[in-house]
Amino acid sequence: MPELPEAESITRALDRALKKRKIKKVEVFFPKLRTSLEPLKTAGLVGHSFVGCRRRARYAVADLDDGRALTMHFGMSGVVRVEDAKLPRRKHEHAVITLDDGKALKFEDPRRFGFMEVQSLGPDGWPECLAGIGVEPLSPKFTGEFLFEKSRGRKKPVKEFIMDNAVVTGIGNIYAAETLFASKVSPLRPAAKLTLDECKLIVRHAKRILKLAIKWGGTTVSDYRNVDGSEGKFAQKLKMYGQENCPVCGTKIAKVVLGGRTSWYCPTCQH
């Protein structure tokens, strides 16, 4: 599933490809994803232009010149491409938006857990479906003091806590594992047991790792591709997620399921 760095990489590429482009045609080939794609055909998109793209959590938001936004989430296997509109449609390309430069925005999703919707903006300037989610981990609001305060009284494991979108949004399974390893904190520890210094470490390493992952275009483990079809290169930098032995002490990496997701950690280095 694309996490924050992947969504950021996609959004930056979409901003370059879509800005100032006018929509010429909208086609839907398979309407039933997480939500229906059918409304795209009647949303009055033809003739409108994109004014830019931005990211919130794991969502890409393409702003339109009429104050609405095309909001995209990529689910487990969603891919968006901007390429020559004349190229043959792939089997799982469910929506194609043709642009005035001869290219097309194509939404592909084999597992059909993603969505693409035209939405109005709420009072905070973001699509209404994004109201109520937590702080952005790369924002100044995400501090050690913030994380420490939020962790008080929380019995859930640290790994689940920092993946809770109501607390901080966008730290998914891969980056939670890497952050906690760098911070030497066990994913099994109850969040309430974190000290302020540990919270500061987690925040510092989360920001560093997310920024590095964005620099490398995200992480391709299976399905993720960027807008131009390229893979994310951060997989080469992973020290814990999906690895066999700890790169620091050589201990065999342990695996445990937390919140329905497999977690990797070093039982020697993380405590």
Protein backbone atom coordinates (compact mmCIF):
# COMPACT_ATOMS: atom_id res chain seq x y z
CA MET A 1 0.00 0.00 0.00
CA PRO A 2 1.43 3.41 -0.90
CA GLU A 3 2.39 5.28 2.28
CA LEU A 4 3.23 8.95 2.78
CA PRO A 5 6.50 9.07 0.78
CA GLU A 6 4.89 7.26 -2.13
CA ALA A 7 1.84 9.55 -2.05
CA GLU A 8 4.15 12.59 -1.87
CA SER A 9 6.22 11.37 -4.83
CA ILE A 10 3.07 10.73 -6.86
CA THR A 11 1.63 14.13 -5.96
CA ARG A 12 4.77 16.02 -6.95
CA ALA A 13 4.85 14.22 -10.30
CA LEU A 14 1.14 14.89 -10.86
CA ASP A 15 1.65 18.57 -10.09
CA ARG A 16 4.25 18.81 -12.83
CA ALA A 17 2.14 16.85 -15.32
CA LEU A 18 -1.34 18.27 -14.66
CA LYS A 19 -0.89 21.94 -13.76
CA LYS A 20 -2.65 24.22 -16.28
CA ARG A 21 -3.86 21.23 -18.31
CA LYS A 22 -7.48 21.34 -19.49
CA ILE A 23 -9.71 18.26 -19.36
CA LYS A 24 -11.00 17.15 -22.78
CA LYS A 25 -12.70 13.83 -22.03
CA VAL A 26 -13.58 11.56 -19.09
CA GLU A 27 -14.02 7.79 -19.49
CA VAL A 28 -14.92 5.15 -16.89
CA PHE A 29 -14.43 1.48 -17.72
CA PHE A 30 -15.08 -0.25 -14.38
CA PRO A 31 -17.29 1.71 -12.02
CA LYS A 32 -17.06 -0.28 -8.76
CA LEU A 33 -13.95 0.43 -6.69
CA ARG A 34 -14.07 1.39 -3.00
CA THR A 35 -16.60 3.94 -4.18
CA SER A 36 -18.17 4.25 -7.62
CA LEU A 37 -16.27 5.95 -10.44
CA GLU A 38 -19.50 6.66 -12.31
CA PRO A 39 -19.92 10.19 -10.84
CA LEU A 40 -16.74 11.22 -12.69
CA LYS A 41 -18.72 11.12 -15.93
CA THR A 42 -21.40 13.53 -14.70
CA ALA A 43 -19.21 15.85 -12.57
CA GLY A 44 -18.83 18.42 -15.35
CA LEU A 45 -15.06 18.04 -15.56
CA VAL A 46 -14.71 18.63 -19.31
CA GLY A 47 -13.48 22.16 -20.01
CA HIS A 48 -12.05 22.69 -16.54
CA SER A 49 -8.32 22.88 -15.81
CA PHE A 50 -6.08 21.61 -13.05
CA VAL A 51 -4.42 24.37 -11.03
CA GLY A 52 -2.07 22.19 -9.00
CA CYS A 53 -1.71 19.07 -6.87
CA ARG A 54 -1.02 18.61 -3.18
CA ARG A 55 -0.95 15.78 -0.65
CA ARG A 56 -2.77 15.20 2.64
CA ALA A 57 -1.94 11.96 4.47
CA ARG A 58 -1.88 9.27 1.75
CA TYR A 59 -4.25 11.16 -0.53
CA ALA A 60 -3.33 13.07 -3.67
CA VAL A 61 -5.53 16.13 -4.24
CA ALA A 62 -5.63 17.66 -7.73
CA ASP A 63 -7.24 21.10 -7.44
CA LEU A 64 -9.56 22.30 -10.20
CA ASP A 65 -10.14 25.84 -11.44
CA ASP A 66 -13.72 25.85 -10.12
CA GLY A 67 -12.78 25.34 -6.47
CA ARG A 68 -13.37 21.59 -6.40
CA ALA A 69 -10.74 18.86 -6.24
CA LEU A 70 -10.11 15.45 -7.76
CA THR A 71 -9.19 13.37 -4.73
CA MET A 72 -7.29 10.10 -5.15
CA HIS A 73 -6.36 7.27 -2.81
CA PHE A 74 -4.40 4.32 -4.12
CA GLY A 75 -5.61 1.55 -1.82
CA MET A 76 -3.45 -1.57 -1.92
CA SER A 77 -2.41 -1.54 -5.56
CA GLY A 78 -3.55 1.72 -7.17
CA VAL A 79 -1.35 3.39 -9.77
CA VAL A 80 -1.86 6.66 -11.65
CA ARG A 81 -0.02 7.42 -14.87
CA VAL A 82 0.13 10.48 -17.10
CA GLU A 83 1.09 9.27 -20.56
CA ASP A 84 0.17 9.42 -24.25
CA ALA A 85 -3.60 9.16 -24.49
CA LYS A 86 -3.28 6.95 -27.58
CA LEU A 87 -1.50 4.13 -25.76
CA PRO A 88 -3.69 1.01 -25.39
CA ARG A 89 -5.69 0.80 -22.18
CA ARG A 90 -4.36 -1.69 -19.64
CA LYS A 91 -6.67 -4.37 -18.25
CA HIS A 92 -7.14 -2.70 -14.85
CA GLU A 93 -7.22 0.94 -15.93
CA HIS A 94 -10.64 1.91 -14.64
CA ALA A 95 -10.73 5.65 -15.38
CA VAL A 96 -9.02 7.74 -18.07
CA ILE A 97 -9.07 11.56 -18.11
CA THR A 98 -7.80 12.91 -21.43
CA LEU A 99 -5.94 16.24 -21.35
CA ASP A 100 -5.46 19.02 -23.89
CA ASP A 101 -1.78 18.18 -24.50
CA GLY A 102 -2.50 14.74 -25.93
CA LYS A 103 -1.77 12.94 -22.68
CA ALA A 104 -4.15 11.27 -20.24
CA LEU A 105 -4.41 10.72 -16.50
CA LYS A 106 -5.02 6.98 -16.08
CA PHE A 107 -6.13 5.31 -12.87
CA GLU A 108 -5.18 1.63 -12.57
CA ASP A 109 -6.16 -0.54 -9.60
CA PRO A 110 -6.14 -4.36 -9.89
CA ARG A 111 -7.40 -4.94 -6.32
CA ARG A 112 -9.97 -2.11 -6.51
CA PHE A 113 -9.44 -0.67 -3.00
CA GLY A 114 -8.56 2.82 -4.21
CA PHE A 115 -10.82 5.66 -5.23
CA MET A 116 -10.98 8.75 -7.40
CA GLU A 117 -13.68 11.30 -6.62
CA VAL A 118 -14.52 14.92 -7.36
CA GLN A 119 -15.17 16.62 -4.03
CA SER A 120 -15.95 20.02 -2.59
CA LEU A 121 -13.48 21.63 -0.22
CA GLY A 122 -14.30 22.01 3.45
CA PRO A 123 -13.68 25.02 5.71
CA ASP A 124 -10.06 23.96 6.17
CA GLY A 125 -9.42 24.11 2.42
CA TRP A 126 -9.15 20.33 2.01
CA PRO A 127 -11.67 17.83 0.62
CA GLU A 128 -14.36 17.08 3.15
CA CYS A 129 -13.42 13.39 3.37
CA LEU A 130 -10.09 14.39 4.97
CA ALA A 131 -11.60 16.22 7.94
CA GLY A 132 -10.59 14.90 11.34
CA ILE A 133 -7.34 13.17 10.44
CA GLY A 134 -4.20 13.71 12.51
CA VAL A 135 -1.23 16.01 12.09
CA GLU A 136 1.20 15.63 9.22
CA PRO A 137 4.45 14.02 10.42
CA LEU A 138 6.57 16.45 8.42
CA SER A 139 4.79 19.50 9.81
CA PRO A 140 6.06 21.66 12.71
CA LYS A 141 3.08 20.46 14.77
CA PHE A 142 4.53 16.97 15.00
CA THR A 143 6.92 17.27 17.92
CA GLY A 144 8.18 15.03 20.70
CA GLU A 145 6.04 16.97 23.17
CA PHE A 146 2.96 16.43 20.98
CA LEU A 147 3.58 12.69 20.70
CA PHE A 148 4.30 12.36 24.41
CA GLU A 149 1.05 14.13 25.34
CA LYS A 150 -0.99 11.99 22.94
CA SER A 151 0.58 8.78 24.27
CA ARG A 152 -0.48 9.31 27.86
CA GLY A 153 -2.93 6.61 28.96
CA ARG A 154 -2.68 4.79 25.62
CA LYS A 155 -2.30 1.05 26.16
CA LYS A 156 -1.96 0.08 22.51
CA PRO A 157 1.51 -0.95 21.28
CA VAL A 158 3.78 1.88 20.11
CA LYS A 159 3.74 0.57 16.53
CA GLU A 160 -0.05 0.80 16.32
CA PHE A 161 -0.03 4.15 18.10
CA ILE A 162 2.25 5.91 15.60
CA MET A 163 0.25 4.37 12.73
CA ASP A 164 -3.02 5.77 14.14
CA ASN A 165 -4.22 8.34 11.58
CA ALA A 166 -6.16 10.17 14.27
CA VAL A 167 -2.84 10.94 15.98
CA VAL A 168 -0.36 11.39 13.13
CA THR A 169 -1.25 10.60 9.57
CA GLY A 170 0.76 8.78 6.95
CA ILE A 171 3.30 6.74 8.94
CA GLY A 172 2.50 3.32 7.52
CA ASN A 173 3.86 -0.13 8.21
CA ILE A 174 7.19 0.23 6.42
CA TYR A 175 8.16 3.58 7.92
CA ALA A 176 6.90 2.73 11.41
CA ALA A 177 9.20 -0.30 11.45
CA GLU A 178 12.17 1.73 10.25
CA THR A 179 11.47 4.61 12.66
CA LEU A 180 11.17 2.42 15.74
CA PHE A 181 14.35 0.52 14.86
CA ALA A 182 16.26 3.78 14.48
CA SER A 183 14.81 4.94 17.81
CA LYS A 184 15.66 1.62 19.55
CA VAL A 185 12.05 1.28 20.73
CA SER A 186 10.22 -2.04 20.64
CA PRO A 187 6.97 -1.97 18.64
CA LEU A 188 5.40 -4.07 21.42
CA ARG A 189 5.85 -1.47 24.16
CA PRO A 190 2.61 0.18 25.35
CA ALA A 191 2.52 3.76 24.09
CA ALA A 192 1.92 5.06 27.61
CA LYS A 193 5.36 3.72 28.62
CA LEU A 194 7.19 6.05 26.22
CA THR A 195 9.34 8.71 27.82
CA LEU A 196 9.52 12.25 26.50
CA ASP A 197 13.06 11.65 25.26
CA GLU A 198 11.91 8.54 23.37
CA CYS A 199 9.05 10.50 21.81
CA LYS A 200 11.54 13.13 20.66
CA LEU A 201 13.70 10.38 19.12
CA ILE A 202 10.72 8.81 17.34
CA VAL A 203 9.68 12.18 15.88
CA ARG A 204 13.22 13.02 14.78
CA HIS A 205 13.79 9.68 13.08
CA ALA A 206 10.31 9.60 11.53
CA LYS A 207 10.91 12.97 9.87
CA ARG A 208 14.41 11.96 8.72
CA ILE A 209 13.31 8.62 7.28
CA LEU A 210 10.22 10.01 5.55
CA LYS A 211 12.25 12.79 3.94
CA LEU A 212 14.88 10.30 2.77
CA ALA A 213 12.19 8.01 1.37
CA ILE A 214 10.65 10.93 -0.55
CA LYS A 215 14.10 11.76 -1.94
CA TRP A 216 14.39 8.18 -3.23
CA GLY A 217 10.88 8.17 -4.72
CA GLY A 218 9.29 5.97 -2.08
CA THR A 219 9.50 2.21 -1.58
CA THR A 220 8.45 -0.39 -4.13
CA VAL A 221 7.80 -3.73 -2.44
CA SER A 222 5.25 -5.13 -4.89
CA ASP A 223 2.71 -2.94 -6.69
CA TYR A 224 3.76 0.68 -6.16
CA ARG A 225 4.80 2.68 -9.23
CA ASN A 226 5.27 6.42 -9.71
CA VAL A 227 3.38 8.44 -12.32
CA ASP A 228 5.97 7.64 -15.00
CA GLY A 229 5.94 3.92 -14.17
CA SER A 230 9.23 4.00 -12.24
CA GLU A 231 9.80 2.11 -8.97
CA GLY A 232 10.64 3.70 -5.64
CA LYS A 233 14.28 3.16 -4.73
CA PHE A 234 14.04 3.41 -0.92
CA ALA A 235 13.67 -0.39 -0.71
CA GLN A 236 17.46 -0.46 -1.06
CA LYS A 237 17.77 1.55 2.17
CA LEU A 238 15.49 -0.55 4.40
CA LYS A 239 17.17 -1.82 7.56
CA MET A 240 14.29 -3.61 9.28
CA TYR A 241 11.14 -4.04 7.15
CA GLY A 242 11.29 -7.35 5.28
CA GLN A 243 14.88 -8.04 6.35
CA GLU A 244 16.37 -11.24 7.85
CA ASN A 245 19.05 -10.10 10.32
CA CYS A 246 19.65 -6.91 12.29
CA PRO A 247 22.23 -4.74 10.51
CA VAL A 248 23.60 -3.58 13.89
CA CYS A 249 23.96 -6.74 16.02
CA GLY A 250 23.26 -9.56 13.57
CA THR A 251 20.35 -10.97 15.61
CA LYS A 252 17.64 -12.69 13.60
CA ILE A 253 14.84 -10.17 13.12
CA ALA A 254 11.60 -11.07 14.88
CA LYS A 255 8.16 -10.81 13.29
CA VAL A 256 4.88 -10.27 15.07
CA VAL A 257 1.39 -9.27 13.90
CA LEU A 258 0.14 -5.99 15.39
CA GLY A 259 -3.14 -4.46 14.33
CA GLY A 260 -3.39 -6.95 11.48
CA ARG A 261 0.00 -5.95 10.03
CA THR A 262 3.28 -7.88 10.21
CA SER A 263 5.88 -6.00 12.25
CA TRP A 264 9.64 -6.51 12.04
CA TYR A 265 11.93 -5.65 14.96
CA CYS A 266 15.24 -6.58 16.57
CA PRO A 267 14.64 -8.18 19.99
CA THR A 268 18.19 -7.20 21.02
CA CYS A 269 18.43 -3.57 19.89
CA GLN A 270 14.81 -2.54 20.50
CA HIS A 271 13.44 -2.52 24.01
